[in-house]
Amino acid sequence: MSLYQTPEPKNETVRQYVPGSPEAISLKARLEEMQSEVIDIPLVIGGEHITTGKTVDVTPPHNHKHLVARCHQGDGSHVEAAIAAAKAAAPAWADTPWEQRAAVFLKAADLLAGPWRDTLNAATMIGQSKNCFQAEIDAACELIDFWRYNARFAQEIYEEQPESGPGCWNRLQQRPLEGFVFAVTPFNFTAIAGNLPSAPALMGNTVVWKPASSATYSAYFLMQILEEAGLPPGVINLVHGRGSQIGPAALSSPDLAGVHFTGSTAVFQGMWREIGNNIERYKSYPRICGETGGKDFVFAHPSADPRVLATALLRGSFEYQGQKCSAASRAYVPRSILDQTLEILLAEVATVKVGPVDDFSNFVNAVIDGAAFKTIADYINFARDADDCKIVCGGEYDDSTGYFVQPTVIVTENPNFKTMCEEIFGPVLTILPYDDAKLVETLAICDTTSPYALTGAIICRDRQEIVKMTHALANAAGNFYINDKPTGAVVGQQPFGGARASGTNDKAGSKLNLLRWCSPRTIKETFVPPTDYRYPFHS
């Protein structure tokens, strides 16, 4: 026997896809090939690929008339089968040495870094309308990092052991949870869809995985990568279907041991409520780990460089159409630099190209589906009709071919204006000008305007003011950025998660998250046990 160490993890190098580069040519070829096919997306339960005959068409958001797949839909009976498969696989998987479990995900990382990279990036571009760079930093690099860093974090967790006193040996065993973990993943990050089921699995748990209905295309390719990496049947079971059927069937099971969730606050709160109502029926108290919504901010100090601020606003608000949980959605800008900032920002937004993912020069692509398009359009229409705001750029939208929304910037003097307070999840930024002398009061407004506390950024060149602003916004964001946009957390560098209505802040991309999927047991072994009940004070 040996004590093993995983390879030292390093963040995956991001490919830039410069026009004419080998990686751009290769990705474009795979993108074209995949868009020319129509595939079936099955459920995967106990290693079996199951087709139900009840299908939903999968079409790219940027071309909603083009069919790329048919996704087979499951129901409660398939959830029950997935739970049974997870239970059957659990004993052998829990008994598998940790380094052998880690090897599966390390191999998956190498497969994704190599032969599967173009495929998963292209699947994310097609199914979720991400441009080549956004797909690269998500579907490839972040997920590779999750799998490699999680393996090292697991090693470190297992290495942490208690002290031992004279005559005994104390040990700490990190067991998997007793039951299955229900992983519910979002549409906006393929990396999150890969991490939420695999992080518990790495720690010896078995999983029932429900991906977002709008991200089933990339989820199927993720499952194929894990299968090729050697993941045993039943360890992760992929179930598609309506949330109203899949969720209750999983949450009502006595064997539910945990929930790993990323999605809307309303859905997460509903799941938490349902778990509470079922609490007497569970074998153990389920671990509930969730990352939900955000109303993320950029707060500029009067000393801010207007060009730095404008760049942070443009990238933070409009990359991936503002559909990141961390996207900048509201900004607080001092009047002394407002005009200069707007001049730069609007000039830059005017150069942003909007269109399908096939054209690599497009910066903004389509929002995810018709429902999201309508919601975003309703917010824009509200702002257009309101008396206390002004749309200074954008405000147009068109769903004739794809769900396209132009990057939109709103300026308001009302700190409680609808688009300053509510999560939109689209390419809409609202700016509140403030008097330079009212910095402290405006920081308090920023802290209390939203129920969320996911990400936030400050732009400031005065070090003492940075200290004050950081303190004033201490609870406003779980991921806080200084002189940068509030997006782009990197595994191993900025563990991700927020509090308040934004979730349980269990920090994906760190040991903190993996510890949620362990049930520790302390073991004390006494080498020379006593043979007399009497203590010395009895003498």
Protein backbone atom coordinates (compact mmCIF):
# COMPACT_ATOMS: atom_id res chain seq x y z
CA MET A 1 0.00 0.00 0.00
CA SER A 2 1.08 3.57 -0.62
CA LEU A 3 -0.06 7.08 0.27
CA TYR A 4 -0.73 8.66 -3.09
CA GLN A 5 -0.54 12.27 -4.23
CA THR A 6 -2.47 13.61 -7.18
CA PRO A 7 -0.64 15.53 -9.92
CA GLU A 8 -0.10 19.18 -8.96
CA PRO A 9 -3.09 21.01 -10.48
CA LYS A 10 -2.57 24.07 -12.66
CA ASN A 11 -5.25 26.17 -14.28
CA GLU A 12 -5.86 25.11 -17.86
CA THR A 13 -4.49 27.52 -20.46
CA VAL A 14 -7.28 29.37 -22.24
CA ARG A 15 -7.17 29.17 -26.01
CA GLN A 16 -7.76 32.53 -27.71
CA TYR A 17 -9.18 31.39 -31.08
CA VAL A 18 -7.41 34.10 -33.05
CA PRO A 19 -8.81 34.13 -36.62
CA GLY A 20 -6.97 31.58 -38.76
CA SER A 21 -5.35 29.84 -35.78
CA PRO A 22 -5.32 26.02 -35.69
CA GLU A 23 -7.71 25.96 -32.71
CA ALA A 24 -10.18 28.29 -34.46
CA ILE A 25 -10.12 26.20 -37.64
CA SER A 26 -10.56 22.96 -35.69
CA LEU A 27 -13.45 24.28 -33.57
CA LYS A 28 -15.26 25.73 -36.58
CA ALA A 29 -15.04 22.39 -38.37
CA ARG A 30 -16.47 20.52 -35.37
CA LEU A 31 -19.17 23.15 -34.94
CA GLU A 32 -20.25 22.76 -38.56
CA GLU A 33 -20.19 18.97 -38.31
CA MET A 34 -22.34 18.86 -35.18
CA GLN A 35 -24.86 21.38 -36.53
CA SER A 36 -25.37 19.15 -39.56
CA GLU A 37 -26.53 16.22 -37.40
CA VAL A 38 -29.67 15.43 -35.45
CA ILE A 39 -28.97 13.17 -32.47
CA ASP A 40 -31.07 11.43 -29.84
CA ILE A 41 -30.37 12.38 -26.23
CA PRO A 42 -31.23 9.48 -23.91
CA LEU A 43 -31.49 9.14 -20.17
CA VAL A 44 -28.52 7.28 -18.66
CA ILE A 45 -29.53 5.09 -15.73
CA GLY A 46 -27.27 2.41 -14.31
CA GLY A 47 -25.11 2.72 -17.42
CA GLU A 48 -28.05 2.02 -19.74
CA HIS A 49 -28.93 4.59 -22.39
CA ILE A 50 -32.71 4.77 -22.25
CA THR A 51 -35.03 6.23 -24.88
CA THR A 52 -38.62 6.82 -23.82
CA GLY A 53 -40.16 7.90 -27.13
CA LYS A 54 -41.42 11.09 -25.50
CA THR A 55 -39.10 13.70 -26.94
CA VAL A 56 -38.54 17.44 -26.87
CA ASP A 57 -36.83 19.16 -29.78
CA VAL A 58 -33.47 20.78 -29.09
CA THR A 59 -32.76 23.88 -31.16
CA PRO A 60 -29.99 26.49 -30.88
CA PRO A 61 -31.16 29.73 -29.23
CA HIS A 62 -29.59 31.71 -32.08
CA ASN A 63 -31.48 29.71 -34.72
CA HIS A 64 -34.60 28.28 -33.11
CA LYS A 65 -35.85 26.73 -36.35
CA HIS A 66 -32.82 24.44 -36.70
CA LEU A 67 -33.13 21.00 -35.07
CA VAL A 68 -29.95 19.48 -33.60
CA ALA A 69 -31.35 16.86 -31.22
CA ARG A 70 -34.38 15.18 -29.72
CA CYS A 71 -34.19 14.78 -25.96
CA HIS A 72 -36.05 11.83 -24.46
CA GLN A 73 -38.08 12.77 -21.42
CA GLY A 74 -38.34 10.82 -18.20
CA ASP A 75 -40.81 10.95 -15.32
CA GLY A 76 -41.05 9.89 -11.71
CA SER A 77 -40.62 6.22 -12.57
CA HIS A 78 -37.27 6.98 -14.17
CA VAL A 79 -36.18 8.87 -11.06
CA GLU A 80 -37.06 5.83 -8.98
CA ALA A 81 -35.00 3.66 -11.34
CA ALA A 82 -32.10 6.12 -11.10
CA ILE A 83 -32.27 6.06 -7.29
CA ALA A 84 -32.27 2.26 -7.35
CA ALA A 85 -29.24 2.28 -9.67
CA ALA A 86 -27.45 4.76 -7.41
CA LYS A 87 -28.16 2.59 -4.35
CA ALA A 88 -26.94 -0.53 -6.15
CA ALA A 89 -23.70 1.16 -7.21
CA ALA A 90 -23.06 2.81 -3.83
CA PRO A 91 -21.30 0.03 -1.85
CA ALA A 92 -18.69 -0.75 -4.50
CA TRP A 93 -18.07 2.91 -5.29
CA ALA A 94 -17.71 3.84 -1.61
CA ASP A 95 -15.22 0.98 -1.18
CA THR A 96 -13.20 2.07 -4.22
CA PRO A 97 -9.93 3.62 -2.97
CA TRP A 98 -10.10 7.41 -3.17
CA GLU A 99 -7.18 7.61 -5.58
CA GLN A 100 -8.99 5.30 -7.99
CA ARG A 101 -12.08 7.51 -7.85
CA ALA A 102 -9.87 10.54 -8.40
CA ALA A 103 -8.23 8.84 -11.39
CA VAL A 104 -11.58 8.70 -13.17
CA PHE A 105 -12.00 12.46 -12.99
CA LEU A 106 -8.36 13.19 -13.73
CA LYS A 107 -8.73 11.10 -16.87
CA ALA A 108 -11.94 12.97 -17.71
CA ALA A 109 -9.98 16.22 -17.40
CA ASP A 110 -7.33 14.99 -19.82
CA LEU A 111 -9.97 13.75 -22.25
CA LEU A 112 -11.64 17.16 -22.16
CA ALA A 113 -8.32 18.98 -22.52
CA GLY A 114 -7.56 16.83 -25.57
CA PRO A 115 -9.85 14.87 -27.89
CA TRP A 116 -13.18 16.05 -26.41
CA ARG A 117 -12.38 19.77 -26.20
CA ASP A 118 -13.83 20.82 -29.56
CA THR A 119 -16.90 18.65 -29.07
CA LEU A 120 -17.90 19.99 -25.66
CA ASN A 121 -17.10 23.57 -26.65
CA ALA A 122 -19.15 23.21 -29.84
CA ALA A 123 -22.02 21.60 -27.92
CA THR A 124 -22.04 24.54 -25.51
CA MET A 125 -21.94 27.02 -28.39
CA ILE A 126 -24.82 25.28 -30.17
CA GLY A 127 -27.06 24.44 -27.24
CA GLN A 128 -26.45 27.46 -25.02
CA SER A 129 -25.43 30.09 -27.62
CA LYS A 130 -22.01 30.89 -26.20
CA ASN A 131 -19.35 32.41 -28.40
CA CYS A 132 -16.11 30.46 -28.85
CA PHE A 133 -14.26 32.25 -26.05
CA GLN A 134 -17.09 32.02 -23.50
CA ALA A 135 -17.43 28.31 -24.31
CA GLU A 136 -13.68 27.83 -23.94
CA ILE A 137 -13.40 29.44 -20.50
CA ASP A 138 -16.48 27.53 -19.31
CA ALA A 139 -16.96 24.14 -20.94
CA ALA A 140 -13.27 23.43 -21.37
CA CYS A 141 -11.04 25.31 -18.92
CA GLU A 142 -13.24 25.68 -15.85
CA LEU A 143 -14.44 22.10 -15.92
CA ILE A 144 -10.92 20.76 -16.48
CA ASP A 145 -9.89 22.85 -13.46
CA PHE A 146 -12.77 21.54 -11.36
CA TRP A 147 -11.81 17.94 -12.02
CA ARG A 148 -8.08 18.44 -11.45
CA TYR A 149 -8.28 20.72 -8.42
CA ASN A 150 -11.06 18.70 -6.79
CA ALA A 151 -8.82 15.63 -6.90
CA ARG A 152 -6.12 17.54 -5.01
CA PHE A 153 -8.67 18.98 -2.55
CA ALA A 154 -9.95 15.46 -1.86
CA GLN A 155 -6.41 14.30 -1.13
CA GLU A 156 -5.93 17.17 1.31
CA ILE A 157 -9.23 16.39 3.06
CA TYR A 158 -8.27 12.75 3.53
CA GLU A 159 -4.82 13.76 4.79
CA GLU A 160 -6.21 15.92 7.62
CA GLN A 161 -6.07 13.79 10.77
CA PRO A 162 -6.50 14.47 14.52
CA GLU A 163 -3.86 14.30 17.21
CA SER A 164 -3.41 11.15 19.26
CA GLY A 165 -2.73 10.91 22.98
CA PRO A 166 -0.46 8.39 24.72
CA GLY A 167 -1.49 4.80 24.23
CA CYS A 168 -4.04 5.39 21.47
CA TRP A 169 -4.36 6.24 17.78
CA ASN A 170 -7.08 8.66 16.66
CA ARG A 171 -8.19 8.58 13.08
CA LEU A 172 -10.72 10.54 11.00
CA GLN A 173 -12.62 8.73 8.30
CA GLN A 174 -14.45 10.77 5.65
CA ARG A 175 -17.35 8.59 4.56
CA PRO A 176 -19.71 9.30 1.68
CA LEU A 177 -23.21 10.33 2.70
CA GLU A 178 -25.71 7.56 3.35
CA GLY A 179 -28.02 7.72 0.35
CA PHE A 180 -27.89 9.50 -3.00
CA VAL A 181 -27.14 13.10 -3.91
CA PHE A 182 -29.60 14.93 -6.17
CA ALA A 183 -27.68 17.26 -8.51
CA VAL A 184 -29.71 19.94 -10.29
CA THR A 185 -27.69 21.97 -12.78
CA PRO A 186 -28.29 25.21 -14.71
CA PHE A 187 -28.15 26.11 -18.38
CA ASN A 188 -25.58 28.87 -18.22
CA PHE A 189 -22.38 27.01 -17.31
CA THR A 190 -21.40 23.61 -18.68
CA ALA A 191 -18.65 23.54 -16.04
CA ILE A 192 -21.23 23.79 -13.27
CA ALA A 193 -23.26 21.04 -14.96
CA GLY A 194 -20.15 18.86 -14.84
CA ASN A 195 -19.07 19.79 -11.31
CA LEU A 196 -22.33 19.47 -9.38
CA PRO A 197 -22.74 15.71 -9.94
CA SER A 198 -19.02 14.89 -10.06
CA ALA A 199 -17.90 16.63 -6.85
CA PRO A 200 -20.09 14.41 -4.63
CA ALA A 201 -19.16 11.38 -6.76
CA LEU A 202 -15.46 12.05 -6.23
CA MET A 203 -16.05 11.79 -2.46
CA GLY A 204 -17.67 8.36 -2.86
CA ASN A 205 -21.33 9.33 -3.30
CA THR A 206 -23.69 8.19 -6.02
CA VAL A 207 -25.81 10.74 -7.82
CA VAL A 208 -29.07 11.38 -9.64
CA TRP A 209 -28.44 14.27 -12.05
CA LYS A 210 -31.16 16.52 -13.50
CA PRO A 211 -29.72 19.06 -15.97
CA ALA A 212 -31.60 22.17 -17.08
CA SER A 213 -33.99 21.41 -19.92
CA SER A 214 -32.24 24.10 -21.97
CA ALA A 215 -28.81 22.46 -21.55
CA THR A 216 -29.50 18.79 -22.27
CA TYR A 217 -27.34 18.87 -25.40
CA SER A 218 -24.02 19.58 -23.68
CA ALA A 219 -25.04 17.44 -20.69
CA TYR A 220 -25.18 14.34 -22.87
CA PHE A 221 -21.65 14.90 -24.14
CA LEU A 222 -20.50 15.45 -20.56
CA MET A 223 -21.95 12.07 -19.66
CA GLN A 224 -20.10 10.45 -22.55
CA ILE A 225 -16.79 11.92 -21.37
CA LEU A 226 -17.34 10.50 -17.88
CA GLU A 227 -18.24 7.10 -19.32
CA GLU A 228 -15.09 7.08 -21.45
CA ALA A 229 -13.08 8.06 -18.37
CA GLY A 230 -14.24 4.86 -16.68
CA LEU A 231 -17.00 6.05 -14.36
CA PRO A 232 -18.80 2.87 -13.24
CA PRO A 233 -22.48 2.44 -14.17
CA GLY A 234 -24.90 3.88 -11.63
CA VAL A 235 -22.48 6.30 -9.98
CA ILE A 236 -23.99 9.25 -11.88
CA ASN A 237 -27.43 8.76 -13.40
CA LEU A 238 -28.66 11.31 -15.94
CA VAL A 239 -32.41 11.97 -15.93
CA HIS A 240 -34.18 14.41 -18.27
CA GLY A 241 -37.73 15.64 -17.84
CA ARG A 242 -39.97 18.31 -16.44
CA GLY A 243 -38.81 19.67 -13.11
CA SER A 244 -42.33 19.30 -11.73
CA GLN A 245 -42.06 15.53 -12.20
CA ILE A 246 -38.37 14.87 -11.59
CA GLY A 247 -37.90 17.04 -8.49
CA PRO A 248 -40.71 15.73 -6.27
CA ALA A 249 -39.81 12.12 -7.05
CA ALA A 250 -36.23 12.70 -5.92
CA LEU A 251 -37.02 14.88 -2.90
CA SER A 252 -39.61 12.46 -1.55
CA SER A 253 -37.19 9.52 -1.41
CA PRO A 254 -36.15 8.42 2.10
CA ASP A 255 -32.68 7.86 0.63
CA LEU A 256 -32.11 11.51 -0.26
CA ALA A 257 -28.77 12.42 1.34
CA GLY A 258 -28.07 15.77 -0.26
CA VAL A 259 -28.95 18.35 -2.89
CA HIS A 260 -26.30 20.07 -5.03
CA PHE A 261 -28.07 22.89 -6.85
CA THR A 262 -27.45 25.88 -9.05
CA GLY A 263 -30.42 27.78 -10.43
CA SER A 264 -33.08 30.25 -9.47
CA THR A 265 -33.69 31.39 -5.91
CA ALA A 266 -37.40 30.59 -6.15
CA VAL A 267 -36.76 27.00 -7.21
CA PHE A 268 -34.13 26.47 -4.50
CA GLN A 269 -36.38 27.88 -1.81
CA GLY A 270 -39.18 25.61 -3.02
CA MET A 271 -36.88 22.59 -2.81
CA TRP A 272 -35.74 23.58 0.68
CA ARG A 273 -39.35 23.96 1.76
CA GLU A 274 -40.23 20.53 0.34
CA ILE A 275 -37.27 18.93 2.10
CA GLY A 276 -38.41 20.53 5.36
CA ASN A 277 -41.90 19.15 4.91
CA ASN A 278 -40.45 15.67 4.32
CA ILE A 279 -37.85 15.81 7.09
CA GLU A 280 -39.28 12.94 9.16
CA ARG A 281 -39.05 10.46 6.30
CA TYR A 282 -35.33 10.80 5.55
CA LYS A 283 -32.72 8.42 6.93
CA SER A 284 -30.40 11.39 7.50
CA TYR A 285 -30.77 15.14 7.44
CA PRO A 286 -30.04 16.00 3.79
CA ARG A 287 -27.15 18.31 3.01
CA ILE A 288 -28.54 21.29 1.07
CA CYS A 289 -25.95 23.14 -0.98
CA GLY A 290 -27.12 25.79 -3.44
CA GLU A 291 -25.95 28.73 -5.51
CA THR A 292 -28.83 30.80 -6.82
CA GLY A 293 -29.46 34.30 -8.13
CA GLY A 294 -27.68 37.60 -8.03
CA LYS A 295 -28.19 41.29 -8.60
CA ASP A 296 -24.51 41.98 -8.96
CA PHE A 297 -23.03 45.44 -8.79
CA VAL A 298 -20.15 47.61 -9.87
CA PHE A 299 -19.54 50.55 -7.52
CA ALA A 300 -17.24 53.30 -8.76
CA HIS A 301 -15.36 55.69 -6.51
CA PRO A 302 -14.70 59.28 -7.72
CA SER A 303 -11.05 58.30 -8.17
CA ALA A 304 -11.97 55.52 -10.64
CA ASP A 305 -10.40 55.49 -14.08
CA PRO A 306 -13.39 55.95 -16.43
CA ARG A 307 -11.92 53.64 -19.07
CA VAL A 308 -11.31 50.87 -16.54
CA LEU A 309 -14.85 51.37 -15.28
CA ALA A 310 -16.40 51.32 -18.76
CA THR A 311 -14.54 48.14 -19.66
CA ALA A 312 -15.61 46.41 -16.45
CA LEU A 313 -19.21 47.42 -17.11
CA LEU A 314 -19.23 46.25 -20.71
CA ARG A 315 -17.57 42.92 -20.08
CA GLY A 316 -19.28 42.31 -16.75
CA SER A 317 -22.75 43.11 -18.07
CA PHE A 318 -22.79 41.81 -21.63
CA GLU A 319 -20.50 38.78 -21.86
CA TYR A 320 -22.70 35.73 -22.42
CA GLN A 321 -25.66 38.10 -22.79
CA GLY A 322 -25.67 38.90 -19.06
CA GLN A 323 -26.73 35.32 -18.31
CA LYS A 324 -24.06 34.69 -15.70
CA CYS A 325 -25.11 34.51 -12.07
CA SER A 326 -22.26 36.95 -11.50
CA ALA A 327 -23.10 39.39 -14.32
CA ALA A 328 -23.02 43.11 -13.52
CA SER A 329 -26.63 44.27 -13.55
CA ARG A 330 -26.46 47.54 -11.60
CA ALA A 331 -23.80 50.21 -11.27
CA TYR A 332 -23.23 53.21 -9.02
CA VAL A 333 -21.24 55.96 -10.73
CA PRO A 334 -20.21 59.32 -9.22
CA ARG A 335 -21.43 62.35 -11.14
CA SER A 336 -17.90 63.69 -11.51
CA ILE A 337 -16.99 60.88 -13.94
CA LEU A 338 -20.46 59.93 -15.23
CA ASP A 339 -20.35 61.74 -18.56
CA GLN A 340 -16.85 60.55 -19.42
CA THR A 341 -17.71 56.99 -18.43
CA LEU A 342 -20.90 56.99 -20.50
CA GLU A 343 -19.10 58.45 -23.49
CA ILE A 344 -16.55 55.63 -23.45
CA LEU A 345 -19.08 52.93 -22.63
CA LEU A 346 -21.58 53.87 -25.32
CA ALA A 347 -18.87 54.24 -27.94
CA GLU A 348 -17.59 50.76 -27.09
CA VAL A 349 -21.06 49.18 -26.99
CA ALA A 350 -21.67 50.60 -30.47
CA THR A 351 -18.84 48.37 -31.75
CA VAL A 352 -20.24 45.18 -30.17
CA LYS A 353 -21.48 42.70 -32.76
CA VAL A 354 -24.59 40.64 -32.01
CA GLY A 355 -25.38 37.42 -33.86
CA PRO A 356 -25.02 33.64 -34.07
CA VAL A 357 -22.08 31.69 -32.67
CA ASP A 358 -20.89 30.56 -36.12
CA ASP A 359 -19.42 34.02 -36.68
CA PHE A 360 -16.55 34.17 -34.22
CA SER A 361 -16.49 37.98 -34.41
CA ASN A 362 -19.82 38.23 -32.58
CA PHE A 363 -19.41 39.31 -28.96
CA VAL A 364 -23.07 38.88 -27.95
CA ASN A 365 -25.19 35.92 -29.02
CA ALA A 366 -28.76 34.83 -28.25
CA VAL A 367 -30.42 34.54 -24.86
CA ILE A 368 -31.30 31.01 -23.90
CA ASP A 369 -34.97 30.62 -24.91
CA GLY A 370 -38.29 32.27 -25.66
CA ALA A 371 -39.28 32.60 -22.02
CA ALA A 372 -36.06 34.42 -21.14
CA PHE A 373 -36.41 36.61 -24.23
CA LYS A 374 -39.92 37.67 -23.19
CA THR A 375 -38.86 38.41 -19.61
CA ILE A 376 -35.97 40.59 -20.74
CA ALA A 377 -38.14 42.36 -23.31
CA ASP A 378 -40.71 43.10 -20.61
CA TYR A 379 -38.04 44.78 -18.45
CA ILE A 380 -36.87 46.86 -21.40
CA ASN A 381 -40.45 47.87 -22.22
CA PHE A 382 -41.04 48.83 -18.60
CA ALA A 383 -37.98 51.07 -18.68
CA ARG A 384 -39.01 52.58 -22.01
CA ASP A 385 -42.40 53.55 -20.57
CA ALA A 386 -41.11 54.79 -17.20
CA ASP A 387 -40.71 58.48 -16.40
CA ASP A 388 -37.80 58.08 -13.99
CA CYS A 389 -35.21 56.48 -16.25
CA LYS A 390 -33.68 56.77 -19.71
CA ILE A 391 -32.47 54.06 -22.07
CA VAL A 392 -29.19 55.48 -23.36
CA CYS A 393 -28.32 52.63 -25.70
CA GLY A 394 -29.83 49.39 -26.93
CA GLY A 395 -33.41 48.59 -26.06
CA GLU A 396 -34.01 46.60 -29.26
CA TYR A 397 -34.77 42.89 -29.49
CA ASP A 398 -35.76 40.42 -32.21
CA ASP A 399 -36.78 36.76 -32.00
CA SER A 400 -37.60 36.14 -35.67
CA THR A 401 -34.56 33.85 -36.16
CA GLY A 402 -32.96 33.66 -32.73
CA TYR A 403 -33.56 35.20 -29.32
CA PHE A 404 -31.42 38.30 -29.78
CA VAL A 405 -31.42 41.25 -27.37
CA GLN A 406 -29.19 44.26 -27.99
CA PRO A 407 -26.94 45.30 -25.08
CA THR A 408 -28.99 47.84 -23.19
CA VAL A 409 -27.90 50.57 -20.78
CA ILE A 410 -30.42 52.40 -18.58
CA VAL A 411 -29.73 55.45 -16.42
CA THR A 412 -32.01 56.28 -13.50
CA GLU A 413 -32.03 58.63 -10.53
CA ASN A 414 -34.24 56.22 -8.59
CA PRO A 415 -32.17 53.80 -6.46
CA ASN A 416 -35.22 51.55 -6.14
CA PHE A 417 -36.08 51.49 -9.84
CA LYS A 418 -37.28 48.05 -10.95
CA THR A 419 -34.20 47.22 -13.01
CA MET A 420 -31.92 48.31 -10.15
CA CYS A 421 -33.51 45.79 -7.78
CA GLU A 422 -34.74 42.73 -9.67
CA GLU A 423 -32.68 40.00 -11.31
CA ILE A 424 -33.08 40.20 -15.11
CA PHE A 425 -30.57 37.61 -16.37
CA GLY A 426 -30.07 39.38 -19.66
CA PRO A 427 -27.88 42.04 -21.31
CA VAL A 428 -29.40 44.96 -19.39
CA LEU A 429 -27.33 47.28 -17.18
CA THR A 430 -28.83 50.05 -15.03
CA ILE A 431 -26.66 52.91 -13.80
CA LEU A 432 -27.45 55.10 -10.80
CA PRO A 433 -25.50 58.38 -10.70
CA TYR A 434 -24.66 59.64 -7.21
CA ASP A 435 -23.26 62.82 -5.73
CA ASP A 436 -19.56 62.46 -4.92
CA ALA A 437 -20.17 63.76 -1.40
CA LYS A 438 -22.74 61.01 -0.77
CA LEU A 439 -20.38 58.07 -1.16
CA VAL A 440 -21.12 56.58 2.28
CA GLU A 441 -24.88 56.89 1.88
CA THR A 442 -24.74 55.34 -1.59
CA LEU A 443 -22.65 52.41 -0.37
CA ALA A 444 -25.41 51.73 2.16
CA ILE A 445 -27.98 51.85 -0.65
CA CYS A 446 -25.93 49.37 -2.66
CA ASP A 447 -25.71 47.03 0.33
CA THR A 448 -29.45 47.07 1.05
CA THR A 449 -31.07 47.39 -2.39
CA SER A 450 -31.03 43.71 -3.30
CA PRO A 451 -31.78 40.53 -1.33
CA TYR A 452 -28.86 38.88 -3.12
CA ALA A 453 -25.18 38.80 -2.20
CA LEU A 454 -23.34 36.91 -4.90
CA THR A 455 -20.74 39.11 -6.62
CA GLY A 456 -19.76 42.75 -6.64
CA ALA A 457 -16.92 44.98 -7.73
CA ILE A 458 -15.47 48.32 -6.77
CA ILE A 459 -13.43 50.52 -9.11
CA CYS A 460 -11.14 52.84 -7.15
CA ARG A 461 -7.55 54.17 -7.25
CA ASP A 462 -7.39 55.44 -3.65
CA ARG A 463 -6.09 52.70 -1.32
CA GLN A 464 -7.64 54.10 1.85
CA GLU A 465 -10.98 54.37 0.09
CA ILE A 466 -10.65 50.79 -1.13
CA VAL A 467 -10.34 49.71 2.50
CA LYS A 468 -13.43 51.69 3.51
CA MET A 469 -15.53 50.47 0.57
CA THR A 470 -14.50 46.87 1.10
CA HIS A 471 -15.59 47.12 4.72
CA ALA A 472 -18.89 48.85 3.90
CA LEU A 473 -19.78 46.08 1.41
CA ALA A 474 -18.52 43.19 3.56
CA ASN A 475 -21.79 41.24 3.37
CA ALA A 476 -22.94 42.39 -0.06
CA ALA A 477 -21.03 39.80 -2.10
CA GLY A 478 -19.46 36.38 -1.57
CA ASN A 479 -17.06 37.07 -4.45
CA PHE A 480 -15.72 40.62 -4.29
CA TYR A 481 -13.54 42.24 -6.96
CA ILE A 482 -11.33 45.31 -6.75
CA ASN A 483 -10.66 47.10 -10.03
CA ASP A 484 -12.12 44.32 -12.11
CA LYS A 485 -15.47 43.11 -13.40
CA PRO A 486 -17.53 40.96 -11.00
CA THR A 487 -17.36 37.85 -13.21
CA GLY A 488 -14.80 35.22 -14.12
CA ALA A 489 -14.03 33.31 -10.91
CA VAL A 490 -11.21 30.83 -11.47
CA VAL A 491 -11.09 27.42 -9.76
CA GLY A 492 -8.34 27.29 -7.16
CA GLN A 493 -8.06 31.09 -7.13
CA GLN A 494 -11.50 32.51 -6.33
CA PRO A 495 -13.82 29.85 -4.84
CA PHE A 496 -17.32 30.81 -5.93
CA GLY A 497 -20.54 31.39 -4.01
CA GLY A 498 -22.64 33.97 -2.22
CA ALA A 499 -24.94 34.31 0.76
CA ARG A 500 -28.26 36.01 1.56
CA ALA A 501 -30.70 35.04 -1.21
CA SER A 502 -27.79 33.97 -3.42
CA GLY A 503 -27.27 30.62 -1.73
CA THR A 504 -25.42 28.71 0.96
CA ASN A 505 -21.95 30.04 0.01
CA ASP A 506 -20.36 26.59 -0.03
CA LYS A 507 -17.69 27.77 -2.46
CA ALA A 508 -17.43 25.56 -5.52
CA GLY A 509 -13.80 25.19 -6.49
CA SER A 510 -12.51 24.64 -2.96
CA LYS A 511 -12.28 22.05 -0.18
CA LEU A 512 -15.24 23.74 1.48
CA ASN A 513 -17.60 22.37 -1.14
CA LEU A 514 -16.19 18.83 -1.08
CA LEU A 515 -16.56 18.68 2.69
CA ARG A 516 -20.32 18.99 2.21
CA TRP A 517 -20.32 15.54 0.59
CA CYS A 518 -18.53 13.76 3.45
CA SER A 519 -19.85 12.29 6.68
CA PRO A 520 -16.89 12.18 9.11
CA ARG A 521 -16.37 9.34 11.56
CA THR A 522 -13.78 9.48 14.33
CA ILE A 523 -12.06 6.24 15.27
CA LYS A 524 -10.11 5.80 18.49
CA GLU A 525 -8.02 2.69 18.93
CA THR A 526 -6.57 2.01 22.41
CA PHE A 527 -3.50 -0.18 22.27
CA VAL A 528 -3.35 -1.37 25.91
CA PRO A 529 -6.92 -1.24 27.26
CA PRO A 530 -7.44 -0.92 31.03
CA THR A 531 -8.46 -4.00 32.97
CA ASP A 532 -9.59 -2.30 36.20
CA TYR A 533 -12.37 0.26 36.46
CA ARG A 534 -10.65 2.07 39.36
CA TYR A 535 -8.87 5.39 38.79
CA PRO A 536 -5.83 6.57 40.81
CA PHE A 537 -8.01 8.82 42.99
CA HIS A 538 -9.61 5.66 44.39
CA SER A 539 -6.35 4.68 46.10
